[in-house]
């Protein structure tokens, strides 16, 4: 019998992917527990979602940096996650690059979901890049995090067709629907191997 896997979630925005993970846990399709939610954005709705669900939620101190994730902050976050018993770290719209020491403390234990079919369109606003590029399909990718920008080993992808008349917003909405089923599915598969 596999043990319920303890998850830590890092996010910067609304937390819709964290909500999808929570929903899968509540539906019984994911044997996991979110034990800690951290955000670099004090106004990120992900914190509110976590608190409403009774999950400890805290703001990450990034030392005043707008986009950088300083080593001291990463060390502090890694220590918090470890102290909470986290076995798998899930980035859910987290807008800073994770590097050492987080990668050292959670080797091949940090996942990210990205709104494109990597290696296409890494970085910010991937759905806008796809529409601007005239791409015929896009989608989302769950991958292990390494020190690069969306460059870690790909675990699973879901495709979304780009349809005539799509705007960045309409494409993004359809990609998010796929994200919300793909991410919990991948976490469940990893949890089953524990």
Protein backbone atom coordinates (compact mmCIF):
# COMPACT_ATOMS: atom_id res chain seq x y z
CA UNK A 1 0.00 0.00 0.00
CA UNK A 2 1.54 3.29 -1.06
CA UNK A 3 1.65 6.12 1.44
CA UNK A 4 -0.15 9.38 0.79
CA UNK A 5 2.46 11.64 -0.82
CA UNK A 6 3.00 15.04 0.79
CA UNK A 7 3.06 17.94 -1.65
CA UNK A 8 4.40 21.46 -1.38
CA UNK A 9 3.03 23.95 -3.91
CA UNK A 10 4.78 27.13 -5.05
CA UNK A 11 2.80 29.67 -7.04
CA UNK A 12 2.68 33.34 -7.94
CA UNK A 13 -0.86 33.84 -9.21
CA UNK A 14 -4.43 32.65 -8.84
CA UNK A 15 -3.59 29.05 -7.98
CA UNK A 16 -5.98 27.37 -10.41
CA UNK A 17 -3.59 24.43 -10.85
CA UNK A 18 -3.27 24.05 -7.08
CA UNK A 19 -7.08 24.01 -6.95
CA UNK A 20 -7.14 21.28 -9.61
CA UNK A 21 -4.74 19.21 -7.48
CA UNK A 22 -6.92 19.79 -4.40
CA UNK A 23 -10.04 18.81 -6.37
CA UNK A 24 -8.38 15.57 -7.52
CA UNK A 25 -7.41 14.77 -3.91
CA UNK A 26 -10.99 15.40 -2.76
CA UNK A 27 -12.38 13.32 -5.64
CA UNK A 28 -10.17 10.40 -4.58
CA UNK A 29 -8.24 10.26 -7.87
CA UNK A 30 -5.01 11.50 -6.28
CA UNK A 31 -3.58 9.98 -3.09
CA UNK A 32 -1.79 13.09 -1.89
CA UNK A 33 -1.94 15.86 0.66
CA UNK A 34 -0.89 19.47 0.12
CA UNK A 35 0.92 20.33 3.35
CA UNK A 36 2.33 23.76 2.48
CA UNK A 37 1.68 26.49 -0.08
CA UNK A 38 4.23 29.24 -0.67
CA UNK A 39 3.98 32.30 -2.90
CA UNK A 40 6.40 35.05 -3.86
CA UNK A 41 3.37 37.31 -4.39
CA UNK A 42 1.65 38.47 -1.18
CA UNK A 43 -1.46 39.26 -3.25
CA UNK A 44 -1.50 35.91 -5.09
CA UNK A 45 -4.95 34.34 -4.81
CA UNK A 46 -3.21 30.97 -4.39
CA UNK A 47 -2.61 31.97 -0.72
CA UNK A 48 -6.30 32.67 -0.19
CA UNK A 49 -7.28 29.37 -1.85
CA UNK A 50 -4.88 27.49 0.43
CA UNK A 51 -6.10 29.21 3.60
CA UNK A 52 -9.73 28.50 2.68
CA UNK A 53 -8.78 24.83 2.38
CA UNK A 54 -7.03 24.91 5.77
CA UNK A 55 -3.55 24.54 4.27
CA UNK A 56 -0.64 26.50 5.77
CA UNK A 57 0.20 29.29 3.32
CA UNK A 58 3.07 31.74 3.56
CA UNK A 59 4.77 34.46 1.53
CA UNK A 60 8.33 33.86 0.33
CA UNK A 61 10.76 36.65 1.18
CA UNK A 62 12.73 37.29 -2.02
CA UNK A 63 14.72 40.13 -0.52
CA UNK A 64 12.95 42.81 -2.52
CA UNK A 65 13.90 41.31 -5.90
CA UNK A 66 11.15 41.51 -8.54
CA UNK A 67 12.11 38.42 -10.57
CA UNK A 68 15.23 36.90 -8.99
CA UNK A 69 14.95 34.01 -6.53
CA UNK A 70 18.00 34.60 -4.28
CA UNK A 71 19.95 31.63 -2.92
CA UNK A 72 19.10 32.58 0.68
CA UNK A 73 15.39 32.56 -0.21
CA UNK A 74 15.71 29.20 -1.95
CA UNK A 75 17.52 27.74 1.07
CA UNK A 76 14.80 29.03 3.38
CA UNK A 77 12.03 27.65 1.14
CA UNK A 78 13.75 24.26 0.85
CA UNK A 79 14.10 24.11 4.65
CA UNK A 80 10.41 25.00 5.11
CA UNK A 81 9.31 22.34 2.63
CA UNK A 82 11.56 19.72 4.22
CA UNK A 83 10.32 20.60 7.73
CA UNK A 84 6.74 20.13 6.50
CA UNK A 85 7.60 16.62 5.27
CA UNK A 86 7.18 17.49 1.59
CA UNK A 87 8.23 14.70 -0.79
CA UNK A 88 7.24 16.35 -4.09
CA UNK A 89 7.35 20.07 -4.90
CA UNK A 90 4.81 21.27 -7.46
CA UNK A 91 5.35 24.61 -9.19
CA UNK A 92 1.97 26.03 -10.18
CA UNK A 93 2.41 29.30 -12.03
CA UNK A 94 5.55 30.10 -10.04
CA UNK A 95 7.30 32.92 -11.88
CA UNK A 96 10.86 32.58 -10.58
CA UNK A 97 13.66 30.25 -11.66
CA UNK A 98 14.34 27.46 -9.19
CA UNK A 99 18.01 26.50 -8.95
CA UNK A 100 20.41 25.22 -6.29
CA UNK A 101 19.99 24.79 -3.36
CA UNK A 102 16.35 23.76 -4.00
CA UNK A 103 17.43 21.32 -6.73
CA UNK A 104 20.05 19.78 -4.41
CA UNK A 105 17.56 19.23 -1.60
CA UNK A 106 14.75 17.95 -3.87
CA UNK A 107 16.60 16.17 -6.71
CA UNK A 108 14.09 15.05 -9.38
CA UNK A 109 11.35 15.92 -6.87
CA UNK A 110 10.29 19.29 -8.33
CA UNK A 111 7.63 19.40 -11.02
CA UNK A 112 6.45 22.26 -13.19
CA UNK A 113 3.52 22.68 -15.55
CA UNK A 114 4.14 24.89 -18.56
CA UNK A 115 1.50 26.15 -21.03
CA UNK A 116 3.13 24.94 -24.26
CA UNK A 117 4.40 21.76 -25.86
CA UNK A 118 7.99 22.12 -24.74
CA UNK A 119 10.61 22.61 -26.08
CA UNK A 120 8.44 25.07 -28.04
CA UNK A 121 7.74 28.43 -26.38
CA UNK A 122 9.58 28.31 -23.07
CA UNK A 123 9.33 31.28 -20.72
CA UNK A 124 6.56 33.79 -20.17
CA UNK A 125 3.21 34.01 -21.97
CA UNK A 126 3.73 30.86 -24.04
CA UNK A 127 0.15 31.00 -25.34
CA UNK A 128 0.77 34.51 -26.73
CA UNK A 129 3.95 33.27 -28.39
CA UNK A 130 2.00 30.41 -30.02
CA UNK A 131 -0.73 32.68 -31.41
CA UNK A 132 1.77 35.30 -32.62
CA UNK A 133 3.76 32.55 -34.31
CA UNK A 134 0.74 31.14 -36.14
CA UNK A 135 1.23 27.74 -34.48
CA UNK A 136 -1.34 25.08 -35.40
CA UNK A 137 -1.20 23.42 -32.01
CA UNK A 138 -0.12 24.18 -28.53
CA UNK A 139 -0.83 22.52 -25.21
CA UNK A 140 0.84 21.97 -21.87
CA UNK A 141 3.77 20.04 -20.49
CA UNK A 142 4.54 18.63 -17.05
CA UNK A 143 8.28 18.31 -16.59
CA UNK A 144 10.92 17.85 -13.94
CA UNK A 145 12.62 21.10 -13.02
CA UNK A 146 16.31 21.61 -13.71
CA UNK A 147 18.38 24.80 -13.50
CA UNK A 148 17.23 26.06 -16.93
CA UNK A 149 14.10 27.90 -18.07
CA UNK A 150 11.55 25.14 -18.81
CA UNK A 151 14.31 22.77 -19.93
CA UNK A 152 13.92 19.80 -17.55
CA UNK A 153 12.99 16.27 -18.65
CA UNK A 154 9.45 16.06 -20.02
CA UNK A 155 7.08 13.69 -18.21
CA UNK A 156 3.83 14.12 -20.14
CA UNK A 157 2.12 16.52 -22.53
CA UNK A 158 -1.43 17.30 -23.64
CA UNK A 159 -2.13 18.87 -27.04
CA UNK A 160 -4.55 21.70 -27.74
CA UNK A 161 -5.40 22.74 -31.30
CA UNK A 162 -5.04 26.39 -32.19
CA UNK A 163 -8.28 27.20 -33.99
CA UNK A 164 -9.12 29.95 -36.45
CA UNK A 165 -9.91 33.18 -34.64
CA UNK A 166 -8.12 32.15 -31.46
CA UNK A 167 -6.80 34.99 -29.35
CA UNK A 168 -4.10 34.53 -26.75
CA UNK A 169 -6.86 34.55 -24.12
CA UNK A 170 -9.12 31.92 -25.75
CA UNK A 171 -6.16 29.62 -26.37
CA UNK A 172 -4.91 30.09 -22.82
CA UNK A 173 -8.34 29.18 -21.40
CA UNK A 174 -8.36 25.88 -23.34
CA UNK A 175 -4.76 25.11 -22.36
CA UNK A 176 -5.64 25.68 -18.70
CA UNK A 177 -8.47 23.13 -18.92
CA UNK A 178 -5.92 20.56 -20.08
CA UNK A 179 -3.45 21.61 -17.37
CA UNK A 180 -6.08 21.01 -14.71
CA UNK A 181 -6.45 17.36 -15.68
CA UNK A 182 -2.84 16.65 -16.73
CA UNK A 183 -1.07 17.90 -13.60
CA UNK A 184 -3.05 15.80 -11.06
CA UNK A 185 -2.76 12.79 -13.38
CA UNK A 186 1.05 13.04 -13.51
CA UNK A 187 1.31 13.60 -9.74
CA UNK A 188 -0.88 10.52 -9.19
CA UNK A 189 1.40 8.42 -11.42
CA UNK A 190 4.48 9.58 -9.50
CA UNK A 191 2.75 9.01 -6.15
CA UNK A 192 1.87 5.45 -7.19
CA UNK A 193 5.59 4.71 -7.66
CA UNK A 194 6.50 5.76 -4.11
